[in-house]
Amino acid sequence: MNISIGKEEEIYLIGIEGDLDASSCINLDKAISEAVSAGEKKILIDCTNLTYISSAGLGVFMSYIQDFENNKISMILFNLSSKVKNVFQILGLDELIRIVDSKEAAKTLINES
């Protein structure tokens, strides 16, 4: 798995490529942790090239929900494949984590929050 990090205006952008599993989720956790430590308030996660997510990968996202709420940080996932999106939906995590279909929709939504 590869993680890319970038910034567009006030938005911190994290891209995930490959499989997000127990051995690779540490890299995602580190990227999100660095964004939070840097005081970022708007985080977009590009899942265009995310091919698989395990429970450990889901756990990374879940572990930040309360921190984000407490610190008024917005995080949105976008461009999930139907297979990956289905995992979030089956577990009801799409009710806790904002998921949209495109980068444009994510940017619009995050700038409204």
PDB file of N, CA and C in Angstrom:
ATOM      1  N   MET A   1       0.833  -1.176   0.000  1.00  0.00           N
ATOM      2  CA  MET A   1       0.000   0.000   0.000  1.00  0.00           C
ATOM      3  C   MET A   1       0.880   1.242   0.000  1.00  0.00           C
ATOM      4  N   ASN A   2       0.453   2.246  -0.730  1.00  0.00           N
ATOM      5  CA  ASN A   2       1.139   3.531  -0.764  1.00  0.00           C
ATOM      6  C   ASN A   2       0.209   4.625  -0.255  1.00  0.00           C
ATOM      7  N   ILE A   3       0.791   5.575   0.453  1.00  0.00           N
ATOM      8  CA  ILE A   3       0.052   6.741   0.938  1.00  0.00           C
ATOM      9  C   ILE A   3       0.687   7.972   0.299  1.00  0.00           C
ATOM     10  N   SER A   4      -0.146   8.823  -0.262  1.00  0.00           N
ATOM     11  CA  SER A   4       0.352  10.106  -0.761  1.00  0.00           C
ATOM     12  C   SER A   4      -0.305  11.213   0.054  1.00  0.00           C
ATOM     13  N   ILE A   5       0.447  12.283   0.241  1.00  0.00           N
ATOM     14  CA  ILE A   5      -0.049  13.403   1.036  1.00  0.00           C
ATOM     15  C   ILE A   5       0.150  14.679   0.242  1.00  0.00           C
ATOM     16  N   GLY A   6      -0.871  15.515   0.248  1.00  0.00           N
ATOM     17  CA  GLY A   6      -0.787  16.792  -0.439  1.00  0.00           C
ATOM     18  C   GLY A   6      -1.673  17.809   0.236  1.00  0.00           C
ATOM     19  N   LYS A   7      -1.624  18.996  -0.283  1.00  0.00           N
ATOM     20  CA  LYS A   7      -2.445  20.062   0.280  1.00  0.00           C
ATOM     21  C   LYS A   7      -3.003  20.885  -0.868  1.00  0.00           C
ATOM     22  N   GLU A   8      -4.285  21.168  -0.797  1.00  0.00           N
ATOM     23  CA  GLU A   8      -4.958  22.027  -1.763  1.00  0.00           C
ATOM     24  C   GLU A   8      -5.697  23.086  -0.970  1.00  0.00           C
ATOM     25  N   GLU A   9      -5.218  24.312  -1.054  1.00  0.00           N
ATOM     26  CA  GLU A   9      -5.746  25.412  -0.259  1.00  0.00           C
ATOM     27  C   GLU A   9      -5.701  25.034   1.215  1.00  0.00           C
ATOM     28  N   GLU A  10      -6.845  24.990   1.884  1.00  0.00           N
ATOM     29  CA  GLU A  10      -6.875  24.655   3.313  1.00  0.00           C
ATOM     30  C   GLU A  10      -7.210  23.186   3.550  1.00  0.00           C
ATOM     31  N   ILE A  11      -7.140  22.391   2.505  1.00  0.00           N
ATOM     32  CA  ILE A  11      -7.551  20.989   2.603  1.00  0.00           C
ATOM     33  C   ILE A  11      -6.326  20.077   2.575  1.00  0.00           C
ATOM     34  N   TYR A  12      -6.240  19.194   3.550  1.00  0.00           N
ATOM     35  CA  TYR A  12      -5.181  18.189   3.634  1.00  0.00           C
ATOM     36  C   TYR A  12      -5.683  16.962   2.896  1.00  0.00           C
ATOM     37  N   LEU A  13      -4.950  16.494   1.911  1.00  0.00           N
ATOM     38  CA  LEU A  13      -5.394  15.403   1.051  1.00  0.00           C
ATOM     39  C   LEU A  13      -4.503  14.179   1.258  1.00  0.00           C
ATOM     40  N   ILE A  14      -5.131  13.060   1.603  1.00  0.00           N
ATOM     41  CA  ILE A  14      -4.419  11.799   1.777  1.00  0.00           C
ATOM     42  C   ILE A  14      -4.947  10.823   0.730  1.00  0.00           C
ATOM     43  N   GLY A  15      -4.053  10.273  -0.066  1.00  0.00           N
ATOM     44  CA  GLY A  15      -4.432   9.280  -1.073  1.00  0.00           C
ATOM     45  C   GLY A  15      -3.981   7.895  -0.633  1.00  0.00           C
ATOM     46  N   ILE A  16      -4.858   6.917  -0.811  1.00  0.00           N
ATOM     47  CA  ILE A  16      -4.546   5.537  -0.442  1.00  0.00           C
ATOM     48  C   ILE A  16      -4.534   4.697  -1.721  1.00  0.00           C
ATOM     49  N   GLU A  17      -3.475   3.923  -1.886  1.00  0.00           N
ATOM     50  CA  GLU A  17      -3.372   3.066  -3.063  1.00  0.00           C
ATOM     51  C   GLU A  17      -3.029   1.647  -2.625  1.00  0.00           C
ATOM     52  N   GLY A  18      -3.842   0.690  -3.052  1.00  0.00           N
ATOM     53  CA  GLY A  18      -3.588  -0.709  -2.728  1.00  0.00           C
ATOM     54  C   GLY A  18      -4.493  -1.230  -1.636  1.00  0.00           C
ATOM     55  N   ASP A  19      -3.988  -2.205  -0.881  1.00  0.00           N
ATOM     56  CA  ASP A  19      -4.754  -2.869   0.168  1.00  0.00           C
ATOM     57  C   ASP A  19      -4.470  -2.226   1.526  1.00  0.00           C
ATOM     58  N   LEU A  20      -5.540  -1.897   2.236  1.00  0.00           N
ATOM     59  CA  LEU A  20      -5.416  -1.340   3.584  1.00  0.00           C
ATOM     60  C   LEU A  20      -5.744  -2.463   4.563  1.00  0.00           C
ATOM     61  N   ASP A  21      -4.692  -3.074   5.098  1.00  0.00           N
ATOM     62  CA  ASP A  21      -4.877  -4.213   5.991  1.00  0.00           C
ATOM     63  C   ASP A  21      -4.040  -4.028   7.251  1.00  0.00           C
ATOM     64  N   ALA A  22      -3.942  -5.083   8.051  1.00  0.00           N
ATOM     65  CA  ALA A  22      -3.246  -4.983   9.338  1.00  0.00           C
ATOM     66  C   ALA A  22      -1.795  -4.548   9.195  1.00  0.00           C
ATOM     67  N   SER A  23      -1.135  -4.985   8.133  1.00  0.00           N
ATOM     68  CA  SER A  23       0.277  -4.643   7.987  1.00  0.00           C
ATOM     69  C   SER A  23       0.493  -3.238   7.432  1.00  0.00           C
ATOM     70  N   SER A  24      -0.489  -2.693   6.746  1.00  0.00           N
ATOM     71  CA  SER A  24      -0.301  -1.379   6.120  1.00  0.00           C
ATOM     72  C   SER A  24      -1.071  -0.250   6.790  1.00  0.00           C
ATOM     73  N   CYS A  25      -1.995  -0.579   7.672  1.00  0.00           N
ATOM     74  CA  CYS A  25      -2.834   0.469   8.265  1.00  0.00           C
ATOM     75  C   CYS A  25      -2.022   1.429   9.132  1.00  0.00           C
ATOM     76  N   ILE A  26      -0.850   1.011   9.579  1.00  0.00           N
ATOM     77  CA  ILE A  26       0.016   1.877  10.379  1.00  0.00           C
ATOM     78  C   ILE A  26       0.388   3.132   9.592  1.00  0.00           C
ATOM     79  N   ASN A  27       0.588   2.967   8.283  1.00  0.00           N
ATOM     80  CA  ASN A  27       0.951   4.112   7.433  1.00  0.00           C
ATOM     81  C   ASN A  27      -0.187   5.126   7.342  1.00  0.00           C
ATOM     82  N   LEU A  28      -1.416   4.639   7.230  1.00  0.00           N
ATOM     83  CA  LEU A  28      -2.566   5.545   7.198  1.00  0.00           C
ATOM     84  C   LEU A  28      -2.724   6.241   8.543  1.00  0.00           C
ATOM     85  N   ASP A  29      -2.575   5.480   9.621  1.00  0.00           N
ATOM     86  CA  ASP A  29      -2.688   6.054  10.956  1.00  0.00           C
ATOM     87  C   ASP A  29      -1.663   7.175  11.134  1.00  0.00           C
ATOM     88  N   LYS A  30      -0.457   6.957  10.669  1.00  0.00           N
ATOM     89  CA  LYS A  30       0.598   7.963  10.777  1.00  0.00           C
ATOM     90  C   LYS A  30       0.243   9.217   9.973  1.00  0.00           C
ATOM     91  N   ALA A  31      -0.280   9.040   8.764  1.00  0.00           N
ATOM     92  CA  ALA A  31      -0.645  10.181   7.918  1.00  0.00           C
ATOM     93  C   ALA A  31      -1.754  11.009   8.556  1.00  0.00           C
ATOM     94  N   ILE A  32      -2.763  10.350   9.112  1.00  0.00           N
ATOM     95  CA  ILE A  32      -3.861  11.073   9.759  1.00  0.00           C
ATOM     96  C   ILE A  32      -3.363  11.747  11.033  1.00  0.00           C
ATOM     97  N   SER A  33      -2.560  11.040  11.802  1.00  0.00           N
ATOM     98  CA  SER A  33      -2.013  11.592  13.040  1.00  0.00           C
ATOM     99  C   SER A  33      -1.178  12.847  12.766  1.00  0.00           C
ATOM    100  N   GLU A  34      -0.377  12.815  11.714  1.00  0.00           N
ATOM    101  CA  GLU A  34       0.429  13.984  11.354  1.00  0.00           C
ATOM    102  C   GLU A  34      -0.454  15.169  10.977  1.00  0.00           C
ATOM    103  N   ALA A  35      -1.548  14.901  10.264  1.00  0.00           N
ATOM    104  CA  ALA A  35      -2.479  15.975   9.884  1.00  0.00           C
ATOM    105  C   ALA A  35      -3.094  16.601  11.128  1.00  0.00           C
ATOM    106  N   VAL A  36      -3.520  15.768  12.058  1.00  0.00           N
ATOM    107  CA  VAL A  36      -4.132  16.254  13.297  1.00  0.00           C
ATOM    108  C   VAL A  36      -3.106  17.052  14.107  1.00  0.00           C
ATOM    109  N   SER A  37      -1.893  16.518  14.229  1.00  0.00           N
ATOM    110  CA  SER A  37      -0.835  17.204  14.975  1.00  0.00           C
ATOM    111  C   SER A  37      -0.474  18.553  14.367  1.00  0.00           C
ATOM    112  N   ALA A  38      -0.591  18.646  13.050  1.00  0.00           N
ATOM    113  CA  ALA A  38      -0.272  19.895  12.352  1.00  0.00           C
ATOM    114  C   ALA A  38      -1.414  20.908  12.449  1.00  0.00           C
ATOM    115  N   GLY A  39      -2.535  20.504  13.070  1.00  0.00           N
ATOM    116  CA  GLY A  39      -3.657  21.420  13.235  1.00  0.00           C
ATOM    117  C   GLY A  39      -4.583  21.506  12.040  1.00  0.00           C
ATOM    118  N   GLU A  40      -4.494  20.518  11.148  1.00  0.00           N
ATOM    119  CA  GLU A  40      -5.378  20.511   9.972  1.00  0.00           C
ATOM    120  C   GLU A  40      -6.821  20.306  10.425  1.00  0.00           C
ATOM    121  N   LYS A  41      -7.744  21.041   9.813  1.00  0.00           N
ATOM    122  CA  LYS A  41      -9.159  20.942  10.178  1.00  0.00           C
ATOM    123  C   LYS A  41     -10.008  20.313   9.077  1.00  0.00           C
ATOM    124  N   LYS A  42      -9.448  20.210   7.865  1.00  0.00           N
ATOM    125  CA  LYS A  42     -10.189  19.652   6.732  1.00  0.00           C
ATOM    126  C   LYS A  42      -9.328  18.580   6.079  1.00  0.00           C
ATOM    127  N   ILE A  43      -9.777  17.330   6.197  1.00  0.00           N
ATOM    128  CA  ILE A  43      -9.011  16.201   5.673  1.00  0.00           C
ATOM    129  C   ILE A  43      -9.873  15.424   4.684  1.00  0.00           C
ATOM    130  N   LEU A  44      -9.358  15.268   3.474  1.00  0.00           N
ATOM    131  CA  LEU A  44     -10.018  14.442   2.467  1.00  0.00           C
ATOM    132  C   LEU A  44      -9.170  13.197   2.242  1.00  0.00           C
ATOM    133  N   ILE A  45      -9.834  12.053   2.155  1.00  0.00           N
ATOM    134  CA  ILE A  45      -9.163  10.786   1.908  1.00  0.00           C
ATOM    135  C   ILE A  45      -9.583  10.295   0.527  1.00  0.00           C
ATOM    136  N   ASP A  46      -8.615  10.259  -0.392  1.00  0.00           N
ATOM    137  CA  ASP A  46      -8.866   9.802  -1.763  1.00  0.00           C
ATOM    138  C   ASP A  46      -8.732   8.287  -1.811  1.00  0.00           C
ATOM    139  N   CYS A  47      -9.842   7.613  -2.035  1.00  0.00           N
ATOM    140  CA  CYS A  47      -9.871   6.146  -2.044  1.00  0.00           C
ATOM    141  C   CYS A  47      -9.984   5.587  -3.460  1.00  0.00           C
ATOM    142  N   THR A  48      -9.666   6.390  -4.452  1.00  0.00           N
ATOM    143  CA  THR A  48      -9.774   5.974  -5.851  1.00  0.00           C
ATOM    144  C   THR A  48      -9.036   4.668  -6.100  1.00  0.00           C
ATOM    145  N   ASN A  49      -7.848   4.533  -5.539  1.00  0.00           N
ATOM    146  CA  ASN A  49      -7.018   3.356  -5.784  1.00  0.00           C
ATOM    147  C   ASN A  49      -6.948   2.402  -4.599  1.00  0.00           C
ATOM    148  N   LEU A  50      -7.901   2.542  -3.669  1.00  0.00           N
ATOM    149  CA  LEU A  50      -7.994   1.616  -2.537  1.00  0.00           C
ATOM    150  C   LEU A  50      -8.712   0.365  -3.025  1.00  0.00           C
ATOM    151  N   THR A  51      -8.009  -0.768  -3.024  1.00  0.00           N
ATOM    152  CA  THR A  51      -8.581  -1.988  -3.595  1.00  0.00           C
ATOM    153  C   THR A  51      -9.200  -2.927  -2.564  1.00  0.00           C
ATOM    154  N   TYR A  52      -8.795  -2.763  -1.298  1.00  0.00           N
ATOM    155  CA  TYR A  52      -9.284  -3.670  -0.253  1.00  0.00           C
ATOM    156  C   TYR A  52      -9.122  -2.980   1.090  1.00  0.00           C
ATOM    157  N   ILE A  53     -10.075  -3.225   1.999  1.00  0.00           N
ATOM    158  CA  ILE A  53      -9.940  -2.705   3.360  1.00  0.00           C
ATOM    159  C   ILE A  53     -10.310  -3.801   4.353  1.00  0.00           C
ATOM    160  N   SER A  54      -9.446  -4.021   5.336  1.00  0.00           N
ATOM    161  CA  SER A  54      -9.697  -5.028   6.369  1.00  0.00           C
ATOM    162  C   SER A  54     -10.286  -4.346   7.603  1.00  0.00           C
ATOM    163  N   SER A  55     -10.599  -5.148   8.606  1.00  0.00           N
ATOM    164  CA  SER A  55     -11.125  -4.575   9.842  1.00  0.00           C
ATOM    165  C   SER A  55     -10.089  -3.667  10.503  1.00  0.00           C
ATOM    166  N   ALA A  56      -8.815  -3.982  10.352  1.00  0.00           N
ATOM    167  CA  ALA A  56      -7.765  -3.118  10.909  1.00  0.00           C
ATOM    168  C   ALA A  56      -7.767  -1.762  10.214  1.00  0.00           C
ATOM    169  N   GLY A  57      -7.962  -1.759   8.911  1.00  0.00           N
ATOM    170  CA  GLY A  57      -8.051  -0.506   8.157  1.00  0.00           C
ATOM    171  C   GLY A  57      -9.252   0.316   8.587  1.00  0.00           C
ATOM    172  N   LEU A  58     -10.377  -0.350   8.760  1.00  0.00           N
ATOM    173  CA  LEU A  58     -11.579   0.340   9.235  1.00  0.00           C
ATOM    174  C   LEU A  58     -11.344   0.909  10.626  1.00  0.00           C
ATOM    175  N   GLY A  59     -10.613   0.161  11.430  1.00  0.00           N
ATOM    176  CA  GLY A  59     -10.326   0.589  12.795  1.00  0.00           C
ATOM    177  C   GLY A  59      -9.559   1.899  12.859  1.00  0.00           C
ATOM    178  N   VAL A  60      -8.693   2.131  11.886  1.00  0.00           N
ATOM    179  CA  VAL A  60      -7.953   3.402  11.852  1.00  0.00           C
ATOM    180  C   VAL A  60      -8.927   4.562  11.733  1.00  0.00           C
ATOM    181  N   PHE A  61      -9.853   4.467  10.792  1.00  0.00           N
ATOM    182  CA  PHE A  61     -10.844   5.536  10.621  1.00  0.00           C
ATOM    183  C   PHE A  61     -11.684   5.697  11.884  1.00  0.00           C
ATOM    184  N   MET A  62     -12.115   4.575  12.455  1.00  0.00           N
ATOM    185  CA  MET A  62     -12.979   4.624  13.632  1.00  0.00           C
ATOM    186  C   MET A  62     -12.256   5.246  14.827  1.00  0.00           C
ATOM    187  N   SER A  63     -10.965   5.017  14.936  1.00  0.00           N
ATOM    188  CA  SER A  63     -10.227   5.500  16.098  1.00  0.00           C
ATOM    189  C   SER A  63     -10.147   7.021  16.162  1.00  0.00           C
ATOM    190  N   TYR A  64     -10.413   7.683  15.039  1.00  0.00           N
ATOM    191  CA  TYR A  64     -10.310   9.146  15.008  1.00  0.00           C
ATOM    192  C   TYR A  64     -11.648   9.869  15.116  1.00  0.00           C
ATOM    193  N   ILE A  65     -12.744   9.150  15.063  1.00  0.00           N
ATOM    194  CA  ILE A  65     -14.061   9.800  15.030  1.00  0.00           C
ATOM    195  C   ILE A  65     -14.261  10.742  16.222  1.00  0.00           C
ATOM    196  N   GLN A  66     -13.986  10.291  17.423  1.00  0.00           N
ATOM    197  CA  GLN A  66     -14.188  11.129  18.599  1.00  0.00           C
ATOM    198  C   GLN A  66     -13.216  12.303  18.630  1.00  0.00           C
ATOM    199  N   ASP A  67     -11.947  12.051  18.273  1.00  0.00           N
ATOM    200  CA  ASP A  67     -10.953  13.133  18.214  1.00  0.00           C
ATOM    201  C   ASP A  67     -11.396  14.220  17.244  1.00  0.00           C
ATOM    202  N   PHE A  68     -11.884  13.796  16.088  1.00  0.00           N
ATOM    203  CA  PHE A  68     -12.321  14.762  15.078  1.00  0.00           C
ATOM    204  C   PHE A  68     -13.488  15.587  15.584  1.00  0.00           C
ATOM    205  N   GLU A  69     -14.423  14.924  16.246  1.00  0.00           N
ATOM    206  CA  GLU A  69     -15.577  15.642  16.783  1.00  0.00           C
ATOM    207  C   GLU A  69     -15.137  16.636  17.857  1.00  0.00           C
ATOM    208  N   ASN A  70     -14.277  16.195  18.754  1.00  0.00           N
ATOM    209  CA  ASN A  70     -13.810  17.058  19.843  1.00  0.00           C
ATOM    210  C   ASN A  70     -13.012  18.259  19.345  1.00  0.00           C
ATOM    211  N   ASN A  71     -12.259  18.076  18.264  1.00  0.00           N
ATOM    212  CA  ASN A  71     -11.383  19.133  17.753  1.00  0.00           C
ATOM    213  C   ASN A  71     -11.930  19.843  16.514  1.00  0.00           C
ATOM    214  N   LYS A  72     -13.198  19.566  16.197  1.00  0.00           N
ATOM    215  CA  LYS A  72     -13.865  20.203  15.052  1.00  0.00           C
ATOM    216  C   LYS A  72     -13.070  20.012  13.753  1.00  0.00           C
ATOM    217  N   ILE A  73     -12.671  18.773  13.523  1.00  0.00           N
ATOM    218  CA  ILE A  73     -11.963  18.388  12.304  1.00  0.00           C
ATOM    219  C   ILE A  73     -12.951  17.643  11.414  1.00  0.00           C
ATOM    220  N   SER A  74     -12.974  18.014  10.137  1.00  0.00           N
ATOM    221  CA  SER A  74     -13.840  17.333   9.179  1.00  0.00           C
ATOM    222  C   SER A  74     -13.005  16.368   8.346  1.00  0.00           C
ATOM    223  N   MET A  75     -13.515  15.146   8.175  1.00  0.00           N
ATOM    224  CA  MET A  75     -12.863  14.172   7.312  1.00  0.00           C
ATOM    225  C   MET A  75     -13.913  13.569   6.393  1.00  0.00           C
ATOM    226  N   ILE A  76     -13.572  13.496   5.119  1.00  0.00           N
ATOM    227  CA  ILE A  76     -14.480  12.914   4.138  1.00  0.00           C
ATOM    228  C   ILE A  76     -13.691  11.948   3.260  1.00  0.00           C
ATOM    229  N   LEU A  77     -14.260  10.776   3.020  1.00  0.00           N
ATOM    230  CA  LEU A  77     -13.692   9.801   2.099  1.00  0.00           C
ATOM    231  C   LEU A  77     -14.400   9.957   0.756  1.00  0.00           C
ATOM    232  N   PHE A  78     -13.652   9.823  -0.333  1.00  0.00           N
ATOM    233  CA  PHE A  78     -14.299   9.918  -1.641  1.00  0.00           C
ATOM    234  C   PHE A  78     -13.720   8.910  -2.628  1.00  0.00           C
ATOM    235  N   ASN A  79     -14.506   8.646  -3.671  1.00  0.00           N
ATOM    236  CA  ASN A  79     -14.141   7.732  -4.771  1.00  0.00           C
ATOM    237  C   ASN A  79     -13.890   6.299  -4.303  1.00  0.00           C
ATOM    238  N   LEU A  80     -14.722   5.791  -3.400  1.00  0.00           N
ATOM    239  CA  LEU A  80     -14.588   4.403  -2.979  1.00  0.00           C
ATOM    240  C   LEU A  80     -15.151   3.485  -4.060  1.00  0.00           C
ATOM    241  N   SER A  81     -14.498   2.352  -4.273  1.00  0.00           N
ATOM    242  CA  SER A  81     -15.053   1.353  -5.185  1.00  0.00           C
ATOM    243  C   SER A  81     -16.325   0.806  -4.538  1.00  0.00           C
ATOM    244  N   SER A  82     -17.180   0.219  -5.341  1.00  0.00           N
ATOM    245  CA  SER A  82     -18.435  -0.308  -4.790  1.00  0.00           C
ATOM    246  C   SER A  82     -18.145  -1.403  -3.759  1.00  0.00           C
ATOM    247  N   LYS A  83     -17.094  -2.188  -3.968  1.00  0.00           N
ATOM    248  CA  LYS A  83     -16.732  -3.259  -3.035  1.00  0.00           C
ATOM    249  C   LYS A  83     -16.323  -2.686  -1.670  1.00  0.00           C
ATOM    250  N   VAL A  84     -15.476  -1.671  -1.675  1.00  0.00           N
ATOM    251  CA  VAL A  84     -15.020  -1.064  -0.424  1.00  0.00           C
ATOM    252  C   VAL A  84     -16.161  -0.297   0.245  1.00  0.00           C
ATOM    253  N   LYS A  85     -16.923   0.429  -0.550  1.00  0.00           N
ATOM    254  CA  LYS A  85     -18.054   1.191   0.000  1.00  0.00           C
ATOM    255  C   LYS A  85     -19.059   0.251   0.661  1.00  0.00           C
ATOM    256  N   ASN A  86     -19.261  -0.902   0.063  1.00  0.00           N
ATOM    257  CA  ASN A  86     -20.195  -1.887   0.601  1.00  0.00           C
ATOM    258  C   ASN A  86     -19.771  -2.345   1.991  1.00  0.00           C
ATOM    259  N   VAL A  87     -18.474  -2.471   2.234  1.00  0.00           N
ATOM    260  CA  VAL A  87     -17.978  -2.867   3.555  1.00  0.00           C
ATOM    261  C   VAL A  87     -18.390  -1.825   4.595  1.00  0.00           C
ATOM    262  N   PHE A  88     -18.216  -0.539   4.266  1.00  0.00           N
ATOM    263  CA  PHE A  88     -18.624   0.533   5.181  1.00  0.00           C
ATOM    264  C   PHE A  88     -20.131   0.476   5.429  1.00  0.00           C
ATOM    265  N   GLN A  89     -20.908   0.230   4.381  1.00  0.00           N
ATOM    266  CA  GLN A  89     -22.364   0.209   4.502  1.00  0.00           C
ATOM    267  C   GLN A  89     -22.856  -0.985   5.316  1.00  0.00           C
ATOM    268  N   ILE A  90     -22.287  -2.148   5.078  1.00  0.00           N
ATOM    269  CA  ILE A  90     -22.709  -3.351   5.810  1.00  0.00           C
ATOM    270  C   ILE A  90     -22.509  -3.162   7.309  1.00  0.00           C
ATOM    271  N   LEU A  91     -21.412  -2.516   7.687  1.00  0.00           N
ATOM    272  CA  LEU A  91     -21.096  -2.308   9.100  1.00  0.00           C
ATOM    273  C   LEU A  91     -21.737  -1.049   9.679  1.00  0.00           C
ATOM    274  N   GLY A  92     -22.428  -0.282   8.826  1.00  0.00           N
ATOM    275  CA  GLY A  92     -23.071   0.942   9.292  1.00  0.00           C
ATOM    276  C   GLY A  92     -22.100   2.096   9.495  1.00  0.00           C
ATOM    277  N   LEU A  93     -20.881   1.943   9.030  1.00  0.00           N
ATOM    278  CA  LEU A  93     -19.878   2.986   9.232  1.00  0.00           C
ATOM    279  C   LEU A  93     -20.105   4.192   8.327  1.00  0.00           C
ATOM    280  N   ASP A  94     -20.895   4.001   7.284  1.00  0.00           N
ATOM    281  CA  ASP A  94     -21.221   5.135   6.415  1.00  0.00           C
ATOM    282  C   ASP A  94     -22.128   6.133   7.138  1.00  0.00           C
ATOM    283  N   GLU A  95     -22.667   5.730   8.294  1.00  0.00           N
ATOM    284  CA  GLU A  95     -23.461   6.645   9.117  1.00  0.00           C
ATOM    285  C   GLU A  95     -22.559   7.497  10.018  1.00  0.00           C
ATOM    286  N   LEU A  96     -21.341   7.023  10.256  1.00  0.00           N
ATOM    287  CA  LEU A  96     -20.409   7.704  11.153  1.00  0.00           C
ATOM    288  C   LEU A  96     -19.323   8.474  10.407  1.00  0.00           C
ATOM    289  N   ILE A  97     -19.020   8.026   9.200  1.00  0.00           N
ATOM    290  CA  ILE A  97     -17.968   8.636   8.392  1.00  0.00           C
ATOM    291  C   ILE A  97     -18.593   9.120   7.092  1.00  0.00           C
ATOM    292  N   ARG A  98     -18.306  10.380   6.755  1.00  0.00           N
ATOM    293  CA  ARG A  98     -18.887  10.923   5.527  1.00  0.00           C
ATOM    294  C   ARG A  98     -18.168  10.365   4.310  1.00  0.00           C
ATOM    295  N   ILE A  99     -18.970   9.846   3.372  1.00  0.00           N
ATOM    296  CA  ILE A  99     -18.463   9.240   2.148  1.00  0.00           C
ATOM    297  C   ILE A  99     -19.216   9.861   0.976  1.00  0.00           C
ATOM    298  N   VAL A 100     -18.469  10.352  -0.008  1.00  0.00           N
ATOM    299  CA  VAL A 100     -19.087  10.916  -1.204  1.00  0.00           C
ATOM    300  C   VAL A 100     -18.433  10.299  -2.441  1.00  0.00           C
ATOM    301  N   ASP A 101     -19.053  10.553  -3.593  1.00  0.00           N
ATOM    302  CA  ASP A 101     -18.621   9.891  -4.820  1.00  0.00           C
ATOM    303  C   ASP A 101     -17.455  10.550  -5.539  1.00  0.00           C
ATOM    304  N   SER A 102     -17.216  11.830  -5.308  1.00  0.00           N
ATOM    305  CA  SER A 102     -16.183  12.510  -6.088  1.00  0.00           C
ATOM    306  C   SER A 102     -15.393  13.503  -5.248  1.00  0.00           C
ATOM    307  N   LYS A 103     -14.238  13.865  -5.763  1.00  0.00           N
ATOM    308  CA  LYS A 103     -13.404  14.863  -5.094  1.00  0.00           C
ATOM    309  C   LYS A 103     -14.118  16.212  -5.048  1.00  0.00           C
ATOM    310  N   GLU A 104     -14.800  16.550  -6.122  1.00  0.00           N
ATOM    311  CA  GLU A 104     -15.530  17.822  -6.174  1.00  0.00           C
ATOM    312  C   GLU A 104     -16.606  17.877  -5.095  1.00  0.00           C
ATOM    313  N   ALA A 105     -17.353  16.783  -4.945  1.00  0.00           N
ATOM    314  CA  ALA A 105     -18.398  16.722  -3.916  1.00  0.00           C
ATOM    315  C   ALA A 105     -17.769  16.808  -2.524  1.00  0.00           C
ATOM    316  N   ALA A 106     -16.630  16.154  -2.346  1.00  0.00           N
ATOM    317  CA  ALA A 106     -15.943  16.190  -1.040  1.00  0.00           C
ATOM    318  C   ALA A 106     -15.471  17.603  -0.720  1.00  0.00           C
ATOM    319  N   LYS A 107     -14.900  18.284  -1.698  1.00  0.00           N
ATOM    320  CA  LYS A 107     -14.414  19.643  -1.467  1.00  0.00           C
ATOM    321  C   LYS A 107     -15.567  20.590  -1.146  1.00  0.00           C
ATOM    322  N   THR A 108     -16.666  20.447  -1.856  1.00  0.00           N
ATOM    323  CA  THR A 108     -17.833  21.281  -1.606  1.00  0.00           C
ATOM    324  C   THR A 108     -18.357  21.054  -0.191  1.00  0.00           C
ATOM    325  N   LEU A 109     -18.507  19.795   0.171  1.00  0.00           N
ATOM    326  CA  LEU A 109     -19.048  19.437   1.490  1.00  0.00           C
ATOM    327  C   LEU A 109     -18.114  19.885   2.610  1.00  0.00           C
ATOM    328  N   ILE A 110     -16.827  19.698   2.448  1.00  0.00           N
ATOM    329  CA  ILE A 110     -15.893  20.030   3.521  1.00  0.00           C
ATOM    330  C   ILE A 110     -15.773  21.556   3.689  1.00  0.00           C
ATOM    331  N   ASN A 111     -15.954  22.291   2.617  1.00  0.00           N
ATOM    332  CA  ASN A 111     -15.893  23.746   2.715  1.00  0.00           C
ATOM    333  C   ASN A 111     -17.164  24.342   3.308  1.00  0.00           C
ATOM    334  N   GLU A 112     -18.229  23.554   3.347  1.00  0.00           N
ATOM    335  CA  GLU A 112     -19.478  24.003   3.974  1.00  0.00           C
ATOM    336  C   GLU A 112     -19.455  23.751   5.482  1.00  0.00           C
ATOM    337  N   SER A 113     -18.559  22.858   5.925  1.00  0.00           N
ATOM    338  CA  SER A 113     -18.553  22.522   7.355  1.00  0.00           C
ATOM    339  C   SER A 113     -17.671  23.431   8.163  1.00  0.00           C
TER     340      SER A 113
END
